[in-house]
């Protein structure tokens, strides 16, 4: 929750992410730097609960704030269409 609550880029979040094959992610989530962090977390948790109830497992998500290398944005931003197409 704290990682989402902070509306500043945090390059350390990239190192918490893990590689995924195309089609392995259940959702592509674009982080808004301006939304209320508490409401954003609540909405994500509501979506997560529905997903778990429907699929019986935790979702694997691609969140730009965590999955884009904040120290190499030029390269990663150009790859966004690939990242997005690799998510269900």
N, C-alpha and C. Protein backbone atom coordinates (compact mmCIF):
# COMPACT_ATOMS: atom_id res chain seq x y z
N UNK A 1 0.83 -1.20 0.00
CA UNK A 1 0.00 0.00 0.00
C UNK A 1 0.87 1.26 0.00
N UNK A 2 1.96 1.23 0.77
CA UNK A 2 2.83 2.40 0.86
C UNK A 2 3.47 2.73 -0.49
N UNK A 3 3.78 1.69 -1.29
CA UNK A 3 4.39 1.93 -2.60
C UNK A 3 3.44 2.65 -3.53
N UNK A 4 2.16 2.37 -3.42
CA UNK A 4 1.16 3.03 -4.26
C UNK A 4 0.83 4.42 -3.71
N UNK A 5 0.91 4.57 -2.40
CA UNK A 5 0.55 5.84 -1.76
C UNK A 5 1.51 6.96 -2.11
N UNK A 6 2.74 6.62 -2.38
CA UNK A 6 3.75 7.64 -2.70
C UNK A 6 3.61 8.05 -4.16
N UNK A 7 3.32 9.30 -4.40
CA UNK A 7 3.13 9.80 -5.77
C UNK A 7 4.40 10.38 -6.37
N UNK A 8 5.52 9.82 -5.96
CA UNK A 8 6.80 10.22 -6.55
C UNK A 8 7.45 8.99 -7.17
N UNK A 9 8.19 9.16 -8.27
CA UNK A 9 8.90 8.02 -8.84
C UNK A 9 9.85 7.39 -7.82
N UNK A 10 9.89 6.09 -7.82
CA UNK A 10 10.77 5.37 -6.90
C UNK A 10 11.47 4.25 -7.67
N UNK A 11 12.71 4.49 -8.13
CA UNK A 11 13.41 3.48 -8.92
C UNK A 11 13.57 2.14 -8.20
N UNK A 12 13.52 2.11 -6.89
CA UNK A 12 13.66 0.86 -6.14
C UNK A 12 12.50 -0.10 -6.39
N UNK A 13 11.33 0.42 -6.78
CA UNK A 13 10.18 -0.45 -7.04
C UNK A 13 10.44 -1.41 -8.19
N UNK A 14 11.23 -0.97 -9.17
CA UNK A 14 11.54 -1.82 -10.32
C UNK A 14 12.20 -3.12 -9.86
N UNK A 15 12.99 -3.06 -8.83
CA UNK A 15 13.70 -4.24 -8.35
C UNK A 15 12.80 -5.19 -7.55
N UNK A 16 11.58 -4.75 -7.25
CA UNK A 16 10.59 -5.62 -6.61
C UNK A 16 9.77 -6.39 -7.66
N UNK A 17 9.89 -5.99 -8.92
CA UNK A 17 9.12 -6.64 -9.98
C UNK A 17 9.85 -7.89 -10.46
N UNK A 18 9.12 -8.72 -11.20
CA UNK A 18 9.73 -9.93 -11.75
C UNK A 18 9.32 -10.06 -13.21
N UNK A 19 10.14 -10.73 -13.96
CA UNK A 19 9.88 -10.92 -15.39
C UNK A 19 8.66 -11.80 -15.60
N UNK A 20 7.96 -11.56 -16.70
CA UNK A 20 6.80 -12.37 -17.06
C UNK A 20 6.81 -12.57 -18.57
N UNK A 21 6.34 -13.70 -18.99
CA UNK A 21 6.22 -13.99 -20.42
C UNK A 21 5.00 -13.25 -20.98
N UNK A 22 5.00 -13.02 -22.30
CA UNK A 22 3.84 -12.39 -22.92
C UNK A 22 2.61 -13.25 -22.66
N UNK A 23 1.53 -12.60 -22.26
CA UNK A 23 0.28 -13.29 -21.95
C UNK A 23 0.18 -13.81 -20.53
N UNK A 24 1.23 -13.65 -19.75
CA UNK A 24 1.24 -14.17 -18.38
C UNK A 24 0.59 -13.21 -17.37
N UNK A 25 0.56 -11.93 -17.68
CA UNK A 25 -0.04 -10.95 -16.77
C UNK A 25 -1.54 -10.89 -16.99
N UNK A 26 -2.26 -10.77 -15.90
CA UNK A 26 -3.72 -10.72 -15.96
C UNK A 26 -4.25 -9.32 -16.25
N UNK A 27 -3.48 -8.29 -15.93
CA UNK A 27 -3.96 -6.92 -16.14
C UNK A 27 -2.80 -5.95 -16.30
N UNK A 28 -3.02 -4.94 -17.09
CA UNK A 28 -2.10 -3.83 -17.27
C UNK A 28 -2.69 -2.67 -16.49
N UNK A 29 -1.96 -2.15 -15.52
CA UNK A 29 -2.47 -1.07 -14.68
C UNK A 29 -1.56 0.14 -14.82
N UNK A 30 -2.14 1.23 -15.24
CA UNK A 30 -1.40 2.47 -15.37
C UNK A 30 -1.63 3.30 -14.11
N UNK A 31 -0.55 3.56 -13.42
CA UNK A 31 -0.58 4.33 -12.17
C UNK A 31 -0.80 5.81 -12.49
N UNK A 32 -1.73 6.43 -11.81
CA UNK A 32 -1.92 7.87 -11.94
C UNK A 32 -1.18 8.58 -10.81
N UNK A 33 -0.37 9.54 -11.17
CA UNK A 33 0.41 10.28 -10.18
C UNK A 33 -0.45 11.29 -9.43
N UNK A 34 -1.70 11.51 -9.89
CA UNK A 34 -2.52 12.57 -9.32
C UNK A 34 -3.74 12.08 -8.54
N UNK A 35 -4.08 10.80 -8.67
CA UNK A 35 -5.25 10.28 -7.97
C UNK A 35 -4.99 10.16 -6.47
N UNK A 36 -6.06 10.19 -5.72
CA UNK A 36 -5.99 10.01 -4.27
C UNK A 36 -5.43 8.60 -3.98
N UNK A 37 -4.31 8.50 -3.29
CA UNK A 37 -3.70 7.18 -3.05
C UNK A 37 -4.61 6.20 -2.29
N UNK A 38 -5.35 6.68 -1.31
CA UNK A 38 -6.24 5.81 -0.54
C UNK A 38 -7.35 5.24 -1.40
N UNK A 39 -7.96 6.08 -2.22
CA UNK A 39 -9.03 5.62 -3.11
C UNK A 39 -8.48 4.67 -4.17
N UNK A 40 -7.29 4.97 -4.66
CA UNK A 40 -6.66 4.11 -5.66
C UNK A 40 -6.41 2.72 -5.06
N UNK A 41 -5.87 2.66 -3.85
CA UNK A 41 -5.60 1.39 -3.19
C UNK A 41 -6.90 0.62 -2.97
N UNK A 42 -7.94 1.32 -2.53
CA UNK A 42 -9.23 0.68 -2.29
C UNK A 42 -9.80 0.08 -3.58
N UNK A 43 -9.69 0.81 -4.68
CA UNK A 43 -10.18 0.31 -5.98
C UNK A 43 -9.38 -0.90 -6.44
N UNK A 44 -8.07 -0.85 -6.28
CA UNK A 44 -7.24 -1.99 -6.66
C UNK A 44 -7.57 -3.22 -5.83
N UNK A 45 -7.80 -3.03 -4.54
CA UNK A 45 -8.13 -4.16 -3.67
C UNK A 45 -9.50 -4.74 -3.99
N UNK A 46 -10.45 -3.88 -4.37
CA UNK A 46 -11.78 -4.37 -4.76
C UNK A 46 -11.67 -5.21 -6.03
N UNK A 47 -10.90 -4.73 -7.01
CA UNK A 47 -10.69 -5.48 -8.25
C UNK A 47 -10.00 -6.81 -7.94
N UNK A 48 -8.97 -6.77 -7.08
CA UNK A 48 -8.23 -7.97 -6.70
C UNK A 48 -9.15 -9.01 -6.06
N UNK A 49 -10.01 -8.57 -5.16
CA UNK A 49 -10.93 -9.49 -4.48
C UNK A 49 -11.86 -10.18 -5.48
N UNK A 50 -12.37 -9.43 -6.45
CA UNK A 50 -13.23 -10.02 -7.48
C UNK A 50 -12.45 -11.02 -8.33
N UNK A 51 -11.22 -10.68 -8.66
CA UNK A 51 -10.39 -11.57 -9.46
C UNK A 51 -10.13 -12.87 -8.71
N UNK A 52 -9.75 -12.78 -7.44
CA UNK A 52 -9.48 -13.98 -6.64
C UNK A 52 -10.73 -14.84 -6.52
N UNK A 53 -11.89 -14.21 -6.31
CA UNK A 53 -13.14 -14.97 -6.20
C UNK A 53 -13.46 -15.69 -7.50
N UNK A 54 -13.17 -15.07 -8.61
CA UNK A 54 -13.48 -15.65 -9.91
C UNK A 54 -12.46 -16.70 -10.35
N UNK A 55 -11.18 -16.48 -10.06
CA UNK A 55 -10.12 -17.34 -10.59
C UNK A 55 -9.45 -18.23 -9.54
N UNK A 56 -9.71 -17.97 -8.27
CA UNK A 56 -9.14 -18.80 -7.23
C UNK A 56 -7.64 -18.63 -7.02
N UNK A 57 -7.10 -17.51 -7.43
CA UNK A 57 -5.68 -17.21 -7.27
C UNK A 57 -5.46 -15.71 -7.30
N UNK A 58 -4.29 -15.29 -6.84
CA UNK A 58 -3.93 -13.88 -6.90
C UNK A 58 -3.65 -13.49 -8.35
N UNK A 59 -4.01 -12.27 -8.72
CA UNK A 59 -3.70 -11.83 -10.08
C UNK A 59 -2.22 -11.47 -10.23
N UNK A 60 -1.71 -11.63 -11.43
CA UNK A 60 -0.38 -11.16 -11.76
C UNK A 60 -0.59 -9.91 -12.61
N UNK A 61 -0.12 -8.77 -12.10
CA UNK A 61 -0.39 -7.49 -12.77
C UNK A 61 0.89 -6.80 -13.21
N UNK A 62 0.75 -5.99 -14.21
CA UNK A 62 1.82 -5.13 -14.71
C UNK A 62 1.42 -3.71 -14.34
N UNK A 63 2.12 -3.12 -13.39
CA UNK A 63 1.84 -1.75 -12.94
C UNK A 63 3.00 -0.87 -13.40
N UNK A 64 2.70 0.12 -14.20
CA UNK A 64 3.78 0.92 -14.79
C UNK A 64 4.70 1.54 -13.75
N UNK A 65 4.17 1.97 -12.63
CA UNK A 65 5.01 2.59 -11.60
C UNK A 65 6.10 1.63 -11.11
N UNK A 66 5.77 0.36 -11.09
CA UNK A 66 6.70 -0.66 -10.58
C UNK A 66 7.50 -1.34 -11.70
N UNK A 67 6.89 -1.50 -12.85
CA UNK A 67 7.50 -2.31 -13.91
C UNK A 67 8.30 -1.51 -14.92
N UNK A 68 8.14 -0.21 -14.95
CA UNK A 68 8.99 0.63 -15.79
C UNK A 68 10.23 1.01 -14.99
N UNK A 69 11.37 0.82 -15.60
CA UNK A 69 12.62 1.21 -14.95
C UNK A 69 12.69 2.73 -14.93
N UNK A 70 12.48 3.32 -13.76
CA UNK A 70 12.44 4.78 -13.64
C UNK A 70 13.78 5.43 -13.99
N UNK A 71 14.85 4.65 -14.04
CA UNK A 71 16.16 5.19 -14.41
C UNK A 71 16.41 5.06 -15.91
N UNK A 72 15.49 4.41 -16.63
CA UNK A 72 15.64 4.19 -18.07
C UNK A 72 14.30 4.38 -18.77
N UNK A 73 13.60 5.45 -18.45
CA UNK A 73 12.25 5.66 -18.97
C UNK A 73 12.20 5.79 -20.49
N UNK A 74 13.20 6.40 -21.09
CA UNK A 74 13.19 6.57 -22.55
C UNK A 74 13.00 5.24 -23.26
N UNK A 75 13.75 4.24 -22.86
CA UNK A 75 13.65 2.92 -23.48
C UNK A 75 12.36 2.23 -23.11
N UNK A 76 12.03 2.20 -21.84
CA UNK A 76 10.84 1.47 -21.39
C UNK A 76 9.54 2.06 -21.91
N UNK A 77 9.44 3.37 -22.01
CA UNK A 77 8.21 3.99 -22.52
C UNK A 77 7.99 3.60 -23.97
N UNK A 78 9.04 3.47 -24.74
CA UNK A 78 8.90 3.05 -26.14
C UNK A 78 8.39 1.61 -26.23
N UNK A 79 8.58 0.83 -25.20
CA UNK A 79 8.14 -0.57 -25.19
C UNK A 79 6.72 -0.75 -24.63
N UNK A 80 6.07 0.33 -24.22
CA UNK A 80 4.73 0.22 -23.62
C UNK A 80 3.74 -0.58 -24.46
N UNK A 81 3.68 -0.38 -25.78
CA UNK A 81 2.72 -1.19 -26.57
C UNK A 81 2.97 -2.70 -26.44
N UNK A 82 4.21 -3.10 -26.34
CA UNK A 82 4.53 -4.52 -26.17
C UNK A 82 4.10 -4.99 -24.79
N UNK A 83 4.44 -4.19 -23.77
CA UNK A 83 4.04 -4.55 -22.41
C UNK A 83 2.52 -4.69 -22.30
N UNK A 84 1.81 -3.74 -22.90
CA UNK A 84 0.36 -3.75 -22.82
C UNK A 84 -0.23 -4.95 -23.58
N UNK A 85 0.29 -5.23 -24.74
CA UNK A 85 -0.25 -6.35 -25.53
C UNK A 85 0.05 -7.69 -24.88
N UNK A 86 1.03 -7.73 -24.00
CA UNK A 86 1.37 -8.97 -23.31
C UNK A 86 0.51 -9.26 -22.10
N UNK A 87 -0.43 -8.38 -21.81
CA UNK A 87 -1.33 -8.56 -20.65
C UNK A 87 -2.71 -8.98 -21.13
N UNK A 88 -3.38 -9.77 -20.31
CA UNK A 88 -4.75 -10.19 -20.64
C UNK A 88 -5.74 -9.13 -20.22
